N, C-alpha and C. Protein backbone atom coordinates (compact mmCIF):
# COMPACT_ATOMS: atom_id res chain seq x y z
N MET A 1 10.77 -33.93 0.49
CA MET A 1 11.47 -33.91 -0.77
C MET A 1 9.69 -32.78 -1.22
N ARG A 2 10.97 -32.52 -2.38
CA ARG A 2 9.89 -30.99 -2.59
C ARG A 2 9.01 -30.72 -3.62
N THR A 3 7.71 -30.35 -3.32
CA THR A 3 6.92 -29.60 -4.02
C THR A 3 7.26 -29.10 -5.02
N ARG A 4 6.54 -29.18 -6.20
CA ARG A 4 6.38 -28.33 -8.03
C ARG A 4 6.45 -26.95 -7.48
N ASN A 5 5.24 -26.27 -6.85
CA ASN A 5 5.52 -24.87 -6.30
C ASN A 5 6.62 -25.31 -4.92
N GLU A 6 6.77 -25.45 -4.58
CA GLU A 6 8.32 -24.95 -3.36
C GLU A 6 9.32 -24.80 -4.08
N ASP A 7 9.62 -25.31 -5.65
CA ASP A 7 10.44 -25.45 -6.78
C ASP A 7 10.53 -23.94 -6.71
N GLN A 8 9.17 -24.00 -7.66
CA GLN A 8 8.86 -22.67 -8.21
C GLN A 8 9.41 -20.90 -6.73
N MET A 9 8.62 -21.35 -5.59
CA MET A 9 8.43 -20.41 -5.50
C MET A 9 10.14 -19.40 -4.78
N THR A 10 11.13 -20.76 -4.57
CA THR A 10 12.33 -20.30 -4.39
C THR A 10 13.05 -19.98 -5.66
N ALA A 11 12.22 -20.01 -6.55
CA ALA A 11 13.97 -19.46 -7.70
C ALA A 11 13.19 -17.81 -8.18
N ARG A 12 11.79 -17.31 -7.44
CA ARG A 12 11.19 -16.62 -8.20
C ARG A 12 11.84 -14.95 -7.00
N PRO A 13 11.95 -14.43 -7.55
CA PRO A 13 12.97 -12.98 -6.49
C PRO A 13 11.74 -12.49 -5.56
N ARG A 14 12.20 -12.21 -4.39
CA ARG A 14 11.11 -12.01 -3.62
C ARG A 14 9.86 -10.88 -3.76
N LEU A 15 9.08 -10.56 -3.16
CA LEU A 15 7.67 -8.95 -3.40
C LEU A 15 7.53 -8.77 -1.56
N LEU A 16 7.63 -7.95 -1.08
CA LEU A 16 6.68 -8.44 0.49
C LEU A 16 6.25 -6.98 -0.09
N ILE A 17 4.37 -7.14 0.85
CA ILE A 17 3.78 -6.66 0.26
C ILE A 17 2.81 -6.45 1.31
N LEU A 18 2.85 -6.19 1.42
CA LEU A 18 1.93 -5.78 3.49
C LEU A 18 0.44 -4.88 2.67
N GLY A 19 -0.28 -5.01 3.73
CA GLY A 19 -1.37 -4.30 3.65
C GLY A 19 -2.58 -5.46 4.70
N ALA A 20 -3.39 -4.86 4.57
CA ALA A 20 -5.33 -5.16 5.23
C ALA A 20 -5.50 -6.53 4.74
N SER A 21 -5.27 -6.00 3.38
CA SER A 21 -5.42 -7.87 2.60
C SER A 21 -4.29 -8.10 1.24
N THR A 22 -3.35 -8.71 1.18
CA THR A 22 -2.92 -8.69 0.59
C THR A 22 -2.68 -10.27 -0.74
N ARG A 23 -4.32 -10.95 -0.54
CA ARG A 23 -4.10 -11.61 -1.57
C ARG A 23 -4.51 -11.44 -3.90
N ALA A 24 -4.60 -10.13 -3.25
CA ALA A 24 -5.30 -9.86 -5.04
C ALA A 24 -3.84 -9.73 -5.57
N ALA A 25 -3.03 -8.84 -4.64
CA ALA A 25 -1.60 -8.41 -4.38
C ALA A 25 -0.74 -9.06 -5.23
N ALA A 26 -1.34 -10.30 -3.97
CA ALA A 26 0.16 -11.56 -3.98
C ALA A 26 0.02 -12.98 -5.23
N TRP A 27 -1.47 -12.76 -6.07
CA TRP A 27 -1.29 -13.21 -7.25
C TRP A 27 -0.82 -12.39 -8.61
N SER A 28 -1.41 -11.46 -8.25
CA SER A 28 -1.67 -10.43 -9.40
C SER A 28 0.53 -11.20 -9.26
N ALA A 29 1.32 -10.39 -7.79
CA ALA A 29 3.04 -10.24 -8.05
C ALA A 29 3.09 -11.87 -8.98
N TRP A 30 2.19 -13.14 -7.97
CA TRP A 30 2.45 -14.36 -8.95
C TRP A 30 2.73 -14.54 -10.09
N ARG A 31 1.59 -14.25 -10.88
CA ARG A 31 1.36 -13.97 -11.83
C ARG A 31 2.51 -13.12 -13.16
N ALA A 32 3.46 -12.11 -12.18
CA ALA A 32 4.62 -11.51 -13.32
C ALA A 32 5.19 -12.37 -12.71
N GLY A 33 5.55 -13.60 -11.59
CA GLY A 33 7.10 -13.99 -11.21
C GLY A 33 7.65 -14.12 -9.95
N TYR A 34 7.15 -12.70 -9.57
CA TYR A 34 7.73 -12.69 -7.91
C TYR A 34 7.47 -13.58 -7.19
N GLN A 35 7.31 -13.94 -5.80
CA GLN A 35 7.15 -14.77 -5.37
C GLN A 35 6.70 -13.33 -4.00
N PRO A 36 5.80 -13.94 -3.75
CA PRO A 36 5.41 -13.16 -2.64
C PRO A 36 5.54 -12.95 -1.12
N VAL A 37 5.75 -12.37 -0.84
CA VAL A 37 6.73 -12.06 0.88
C VAL A 37 5.12 -11.12 1.82
N CYS A 38 3.61 -12.24 2.48
CA CYS A 38 2.18 -11.26 2.15
C CYS A 38 2.29 -11.02 3.92
N VAL A 39 2.13 -9.54 4.09
CA VAL A 39 1.50 -9.51 6.01
C VAL A 39 -0.01 -8.80 5.63
N ASP A 40 -0.34 -9.43 6.46
CA ASP A 40 -1.49 -8.90 6.28
C ASP A 40 -2.65 -9.61 7.49
N LEU A 41 -3.72 -9.15 7.94
CA LEU A 41 -4.23 -9.60 8.28
C LEU A 41 -5.93 -10.63 9.17
N PHE A 42 -5.27 -11.58 7.00
CA PHE A 42 -6.36 -12.60 6.92
C PHE A 42 -5.61 -13.55 6.96
N LEU A 43 -4.79 -13.74 5.96
CA LEU A 43 -3.65 -15.57 6.12
C LEU A 43 -4.73 -15.79 5.03
N ASP A 44 -6.09 -15.65 4.57
CA ASP A 44 -6.30 -16.22 3.49
C ASP A 44 -5.85 -18.37 2.95
N LEU A 45 -6.74 -18.61 3.04
CA LEU A 45 -5.96 -19.98 2.50
C LEU A 45 -5.49 -20.36 1.43
N ASP A 46 -6.69 -19.37 0.02
CA ASP A 46 -5.50 -19.86 -1.02
C ASP A 46 -5.00 -18.50 -1.15
N LEU A 47 -3.97 -17.54 0.00
CA LEU A 47 -2.89 -16.72 -0.32
C LEU A 47 -2.09 -17.75 -0.28
N ARG A 48 -1.96 -17.80 0.98
CA ARG A 48 -0.97 -19.39 1.58
C ARG A 48 -0.77 -19.84 -0.04
N ALA A 49 -0.81 -20.86 -0.55
CA ALA A 49 -0.41 -21.89 -1.81
C ALA A 49 0.09 -21.04 -2.68
N VAL A 50 0.36 -18.93 -2.65
CA VAL A 50 1.35 -18.85 -4.27
C VAL A 50 2.39 -18.18 -2.90
N ALA A 51 2.17 -17.71 -1.42
CA ALA A 51 2.68 -17.03 -0.93
C ALA A 51 3.80 -17.53 0.71
N GLU A 52 4.06 -16.22 0.86
CA GLU A 52 5.12 -17.29 2.36
C GLU A 52 4.38 -15.99 3.50
N VAL A 53 3.16 -16.32 4.25
CA VAL A 53 2.22 -15.49 4.54
C VAL A 53 3.28 -15.42 6.44
N HIS A 54 2.45 -14.55 6.95
CA HIS A 54 3.18 -13.35 7.96
C HIS A 54 2.09 -12.87 8.72
N PRO A 55 2.05 -12.79 9.59
CA PRO A 55 1.06 -12.35 10.42
C PRO A 55 0.39 -11.10 10.98
N LEU A 56 -0.29 -10.58 11.15
CA LEU A 56 -1.03 -8.54 11.86
C LEU A 56 -1.11 -9.14 12.70
N ASP A 57 -0.60 -8.47 14.17
CA ASP A 57 -1.23 -8.39 15.19
C ASP A 57 -2.08 -6.80 15.58
N SER A 58 -1.58 -6.35 14.34
CA SER A 58 -2.34 -4.52 15.03
C SER A 58 -2.58 -3.72 13.43
N TYR A 59 -3.34 -3.06 13.26
CA TYR A 59 -2.91 -2.75 11.63
C TYR A 59 -3.17 -1.44 12.50
N PRO A 60 -2.81 -0.76 11.98
CA PRO A 60 -1.58 -0.32 10.67
C PRO A 60 -0.25 -0.53 11.67
N ALA A 61 -0.59 0.23 13.01
CA ALA A 61 0.83 -0.13 13.96
C ALA A 61 1.67 -1.39 13.62
N GLY A 62 1.25 -2.95 13.64
CA GLY A 62 2.47 -3.45 14.20
C GLY A 62 2.65 -3.84 12.22
N PHE A 63 3.15 -2.83 10.97
CA PHE A 63 3.39 -3.78 9.73
C PHE A 63 5.26 -3.40 10.76
N PRO A 64 5.76 -2.52 11.36
CA PRO A 64 6.52 -2.74 11.37
C PRO A 64 7.91 -3.53 12.07
N ALA A 65 7.01 -3.94 12.86
CA ALA A 65 7.57 -5.33 13.74
C ALA A 65 7.48 -6.08 13.65
N ALA A 66 6.71 -6.62 12.42
CA ALA A 66 6.43 -7.55 11.88
C ALA A 66 7.21 -7.98 10.75
N VAL A 67 7.30 -6.94 9.80
CA VAL A 67 8.73 -7.08 9.16
C VAL A 67 10.34 -7.18 8.89
N ALA A 68 10.87 -6.64 11.27
CA ALA A 68 11.66 -5.67 11.05
C ALA A 68 12.96 -7.04 11.17
N ASP A 69 12.33 -8.24 11.15
CA ASP A 69 13.21 -9.47 11.20
C ASP A 69 12.91 -9.76 9.61
N LEU A 70 12.88 -9.97 8.70
CA LEU A 70 12.45 -10.35 7.15
C LEU A 70 13.87 -9.58 7.19
N PRO A 71 14.96 -10.37 5.62
CA PRO A 71 16.52 -8.99 4.66
C PRO A 71 15.26 -8.25 4.70
N PRO A 72 16.04 -7.67 4.02
CA PRO A 72 15.23 -6.43 3.21
C PRO A 72 15.33 -7.24 1.60
N THR A 73 14.30 -6.96 1.75
CA THR A 73 12.64 -7.29 0.11
C THR A 73 12.39 -6.31 -0.01
N PRO A 74 11.67 -5.67 -1.91
CA PRO A 74 10.85 -5.88 -2.41
C PRO A 74 10.36 -5.08 -1.85
N TRP A 75 9.21 -3.76 -1.48
CA TRP A 75 8.23 -4.12 -0.50
C TRP A 75 7.08 -3.16 -1.91
N ILE A 76 5.96 -3.74 -1.31
CA ILE A 76 4.12 -2.73 -1.85
C ILE A 76 4.21 -2.69 -0.85
N TYR A 77 3.08 -1.67 -0.46
CA TYR A 77 1.54 -1.55 -0.13
C TYR A 77 0.67 -1.49 -1.03
N THR A 78 -0.26 -2.05 0.18
CA THR A 78 -2.00 -2.13 -0.81
C THR A 78 -2.84 -1.31 -0.26
N GLY A 79 -4.19 -1.32 -0.56
CA GLY A 79 -4.95 -0.23 -0.30
C GLY A 79 -4.67 0.09 1.31
N GLY A 80 -5.32 1.21 1.82
CA GLY A 80 -5.12 1.66 2.88
C GLY A 80 -4.35 1.75 4.25
N LEU A 81 -3.01 2.01 3.39
CA LEU A 81 -1.69 2.16 4.15
C LEU A 81 -1.44 3.14 3.24
N GLU A 82 -1.53 3.65 2.24
CA GLU A 82 -1.05 4.55 1.85
C GLU A 82 -1.61 5.79 2.89
N ASN A 83 -2.50 6.64 3.74
CA ASN A 83 -3.40 6.46 4.21
C ASN A 83 -1.98 7.46 5.95
N PHE A 84 -1.32 6.15 5.91
CA PHE A 84 0.08 6.33 7.05
C PHE A 84 1.06 6.48 6.31
N PRO A 85 1.52 7.54 5.82
CA PRO A 85 3.60 7.89 5.49
C PRO A 85 4.38 7.90 6.35
N GLU A 86 3.77 7.60 7.54
CA GLU A 86 4.95 7.97 8.54
C GLU A 86 5.03 6.12 9.05
N ILE A 87 4.10 5.19 8.41
CA ILE A 87 5.07 3.50 9.09
C ILE A 87 5.40 3.59 7.73
N VAL A 88 5.14 3.99 6.67
CA VAL A 88 5.54 3.38 5.44
C VAL A 88 6.87 4.64 5.21
N ALA A 89 7.37 5.17 5.62
CA ALA A 89 9.01 5.45 5.32
C ALA A 89 9.66 5.41 6.62
N GLU A 90 8.95 4.58 7.94
CA GLU A 90 9.76 3.41 8.64
C GLU A 90 9.68 2.02 7.50
N ILE A 91 8.96 1.55 7.18
CA ILE A 91 9.80 0.26 6.66
C ILE A 91 10.67 0.28 5.51
N ALA A 92 10.14 1.75 4.69
CA ALA A 92 10.92 1.99 3.37
C ALA A 92 12.80 2.58 3.58
N ALA A 93 12.75 2.86 5.03
CA ALA A 93 13.78 2.76 5.68
C ALA A 93 15.38 1.17 5.59
N ILE A 94 13.85 0.22 5.54
CA ILE A 94 15.26 -1.11 5.90
C ILE A 94 14.42 -2.11 4.49
N HIS A 95 13.22 -1.78 3.70
CA HIS A 95 13.33 -2.46 3.02
C HIS A 95 12.99 -1.30 1.62
N PRO A 96 13.97 -1.67 0.27
CA PRO A 96 13.12 -0.81 -0.65
C PRO A 96 12.01 -1.04 -1.21
N LEU A 97 11.21 0.67 -1.65
CA LEU A 97 9.85 1.16 -1.47
C LEU A 97 9.67 0.82 -2.68
N TYR A 98 8.79 -0.06 -3.87
CA TYR A 98 8.52 0.42 -4.91
C TYR A 98 6.96 0.73 -5.02
N GLY A 99 7.44 1.35 -4.53
CA GLY A 99 6.00 2.01 -5.43
C GLY A 99 6.06 4.16 -4.25
N ASN A 100 5.46 5.15 -4.33
CA ASN A 100 5.37 6.22 -4.04
C ASN A 100 5.75 6.09 -1.68
N GLY A 101 6.91 6.90 -2.16
CA GLY A 101 7.63 7.06 -0.52
C GLY A 101 6.24 7.80 -0.17
N PRO A 102 6.74 7.93 1.58
CA PRO A 102 6.69 9.55 1.67
C PRO A 102 6.10 10.53 1.44
N GLU A 103 7.10 10.80 1.37
CA GLU A 103 6.57 12.57 1.20
C GLU A 103 5.78 12.84 -1.12
N VAL A 104 5.24 11.86 -1.67
CA VAL A 104 4.30 11.71 -2.61
C VAL A 104 2.88 11.37 -1.52
N LEU A 105 3.31 10.77 -0.12
CA LEU A 105 1.69 10.34 -0.48
C LEU A 105 1.32 11.34 0.32
N ARG A 106 2.16 11.60 1.96
CA ARG A 106 2.00 13.75 2.39
C ARG A 106 1.41 14.12 1.21
N LEU A 107 1.78 14.63 -0.35
CA LEU A 107 1.14 15.51 -0.93
C LEU A 107 0.41 15.31 -1.40
N VAL A 108 0.20 14.52 -2.04
CA VAL A 108 -0.74 13.62 -2.69
C VAL A 108 -2.22 14.17 -1.95
N ARG A 109 -2.34 14.00 -0.71
CA ARG A 109 -3.28 14.11 -0.56
C ARG A 109 -3.18 15.70 0.61
N ASP A 110 -3.05 16.36 0.61
CA ASP A 110 -3.52 18.67 -0.08
C ASP A 110 -3.78 18.37 -0.93
N PRO A 111 -5.54 18.10 -0.44
CA PRO A 111 -5.94 18.46 -1.42
C PRO A 111 -5.59 20.39 -3.09
N PHE A 112 -5.58 21.41 -1.38
CA PHE A 112 -4.91 22.26 -1.90
C PHE A 112 -3.46 22.37 -3.21
N TRP A 113 -2.67 20.97 -2.67
CA TRP A 113 -1.11 21.24 -3.20
C TRP A 113 -1.85 20.61 -4.94
N LEU A 114 -2.20 19.48 -4.41
CA LEU A 114 -3.18 18.99 -5.74
C LEU A 114 -3.62 19.61 -5.87
N ASP A 115 -4.62 20.70 -6.38
CA ASP A 115 -5.44 21.81 -7.01
C ASP A 115 -4.55 22.24 -7.95
N GLN A 116 -3.85 22.38 -6.98
CA GLN A 116 -2.63 23.97 -7.71
C GLN A 116 -1.29 23.19 -8.55
N PHE A 117 -1.62 21.85 -8.98
CA PHE A 117 -0.78 21.28 -9.45
C PHE A 117 -1.59 20.88 -11.12
N HIS A 118 -2.74 20.40 -10.94
CA HIS A 118 -3.75 20.10 -11.92
C HIS A 118 -3.61 21.86 -12.71
N ARG A 119 -4.05 23.03 -11.50
CA ARG A 119 -4.26 23.91 -12.01
C ARG A 119 -3.23 24.64 -13.12
N GLN A 120 -1.70 24.20 -12.81
CA GLN A 120 -0.83 24.88 -13.81
C GLN A 120 -0.42 23.82 -14.62
N HIS A 121 -0.63 22.51 -14.19
CA HIS A 121 -1.17 21.37 -16.20
C HIS A 121 -1.99 22.00 -17.18
N ALA A 122 -3.00 22.48 -15.94
CA ALA A 122 -4.56 22.56 -17.31
C ALA A 122 -4.88 21.15 -16.54
N PHE A 123 -4.83 20.26 -16.28
CA PHE A 123 -6.25 19.05 -15.89
C PHE A 123 -6.99 20.45 -15.20
N PRO A 124 -8.58 18.98 -15.98
CA PRO A 124 -9.52 19.48 -15.17
C PRO A 124 -9.76 19.02 -13.91
N ARG A 125 -10.08 20.00 -13.01
CA ARG A 125 -10.11 19.92 -11.40
C ARG A 125 -11.64 20.29 -10.43
N LEU A 126 -12.00 19.70 -9.90
CA LEU A 126 -12.49 19.82 -9.21
C LEU A 126 -12.75 22.16 -8.36
N ARG A 127 -13.66 22.39 -8.07
CA ARG A 127 -13.51 23.42 -7.00
C ARG A 127 -13.64 23.28 -5.34
N LEU A 128 -13.09 23.60 -5.52
CA LEU A 128 -12.45 23.52 -3.60
C LEU A 128 -12.00 24.64 -2.57
N SER A 129 -13.10 24.27 -1.52
CA SER A 129 -13.72 25.11 -0.41
C SER A 129 -12.75 24.89 0.56
N GLN A 130 -12.32 26.44 1.19
CA GLN A 130 -11.49 25.90 2.50
C GLN A 130 -12.24 26.78 3.64
N GLY A 131 -12.70 25.94 4.67
CA GLY A 131 -13.58 26.85 6.00
C GLY A 131 -14.24 25.73 6.59
N ASN A 132 -14.53 26.98 7.52
CA ASN A 132 -16.00 25.93 8.45
C ASN A 132 -17.46 25.94 8.34
N ALA A 133 -17.56 26.79 6.91
CA ALA A 133 -19.50 27.18 6.67
C ALA A 133 -19.11 25.63 5.73
N PRO A 134 -20.54 25.67 5.83
CA PRO A 134 -21.05 24.24 5.38
C PRO A 134 -21.27 24.19 3.77
N PRO A 135 -21.39 23.66 3.27
CA PRO A 135 -21.34 23.95 1.16
C PRO A 135 -23.29 23.97 1.02
N PRO A 136 -23.67 24.10 -0.14
CA PRO A 136 -25.06 23.82 -0.42
C PRO A 136 -24.95 22.90 -0.27
N THR A 137 -26.73 22.74 0.26
CA THR A 137 -27.25 20.83 0.48
C THR A 137 -27.96 20.91 -0.71
N ASP A 138 -27.65 21.52 -2.40
CA ASP A 138 -28.09 20.53 -3.28
C ASP A 138 -26.98 19.77 -4.22
N GLY A 139 -26.44 18.74 -3.42
CA GLY A 139 -25.48 17.78 -4.18
C GLY A 139 -24.88 17.89 -4.46
N THR A 140 -24.21 19.23 -5.14
CA THR A 140 -23.21 20.07 -5.69
C THR A 140 -22.11 19.65 -5.43
N TRP A 141 -21.38 19.46 -3.62
CA TRP A 141 -20.24 18.72 -3.28
C TRP A 141 -20.34 17.95 -2.75
N LEU A 142 -18.84 17.39 -2.48
CA LEU A 142 -17.95 16.31 -2.66
C LEU A 142 -17.57 16.71 -0.75
N LEU A 143 -18.36 16.45 0.32
CA LEU A 143 -16.87 16.24 1.32
C LEU A 143 -15.91 15.27 1.99
N LYS A 144 -15.34 15.91 1.83
CA LYS A 144 -13.99 14.27 2.35
C LYS A 144 -13.17 15.25 3.47
N SER A 145 -12.76 14.29 4.51
CA SER A 145 -11.80 15.39 5.42
C SER A 145 -10.30 14.84 4.95
N THR A 146 -10.21 15.73 5.43
CA THR A 146 -8.15 16.27 5.05
C THR A 146 -6.76 15.24 5.45
C-alpha cells in the first residue's frame, strides 16, 4: 500500500540537489512542486520526509560517484559546491545543471574580473589591491583569499 506522500513523490518532476546539507533546498523544491533527490552528508530525518536521499562519502570529491548511476536529472548545488567548478563541470556533463556553470563560477571568483565588470557597468565596488604588501590595519580593508 502506498502512502499519500509516496504518491505525491512519484507525480512530481525530479530535481537533484547536491550539497553538504540539502535540507533547506529540498523543502523549498518540494514546496515548488519538485521531487527532491538529495545527496548530502547528513541525511536528516526531516529531509527523508520529502526527498529521495543518497549518502555522500566524502565532500566534495564524492559527488560524481554518488550521482553516476542516477538517470540524467536536472540538478542544483547548495552552499560551498560553487567553490569546486571542476566537480560542477563533471556532474553537468551527465545531469543538466539549473544554475551557474563552471565557466561562470571561475569568472565570479576572480576579483579582478569582477572589478572590471563592475567598472564597465558603473556598479559600486570596493577598491582592490594586488600584491604581498599587507593593507593598513585600521579596519578599512577586508582580506579575502582567491
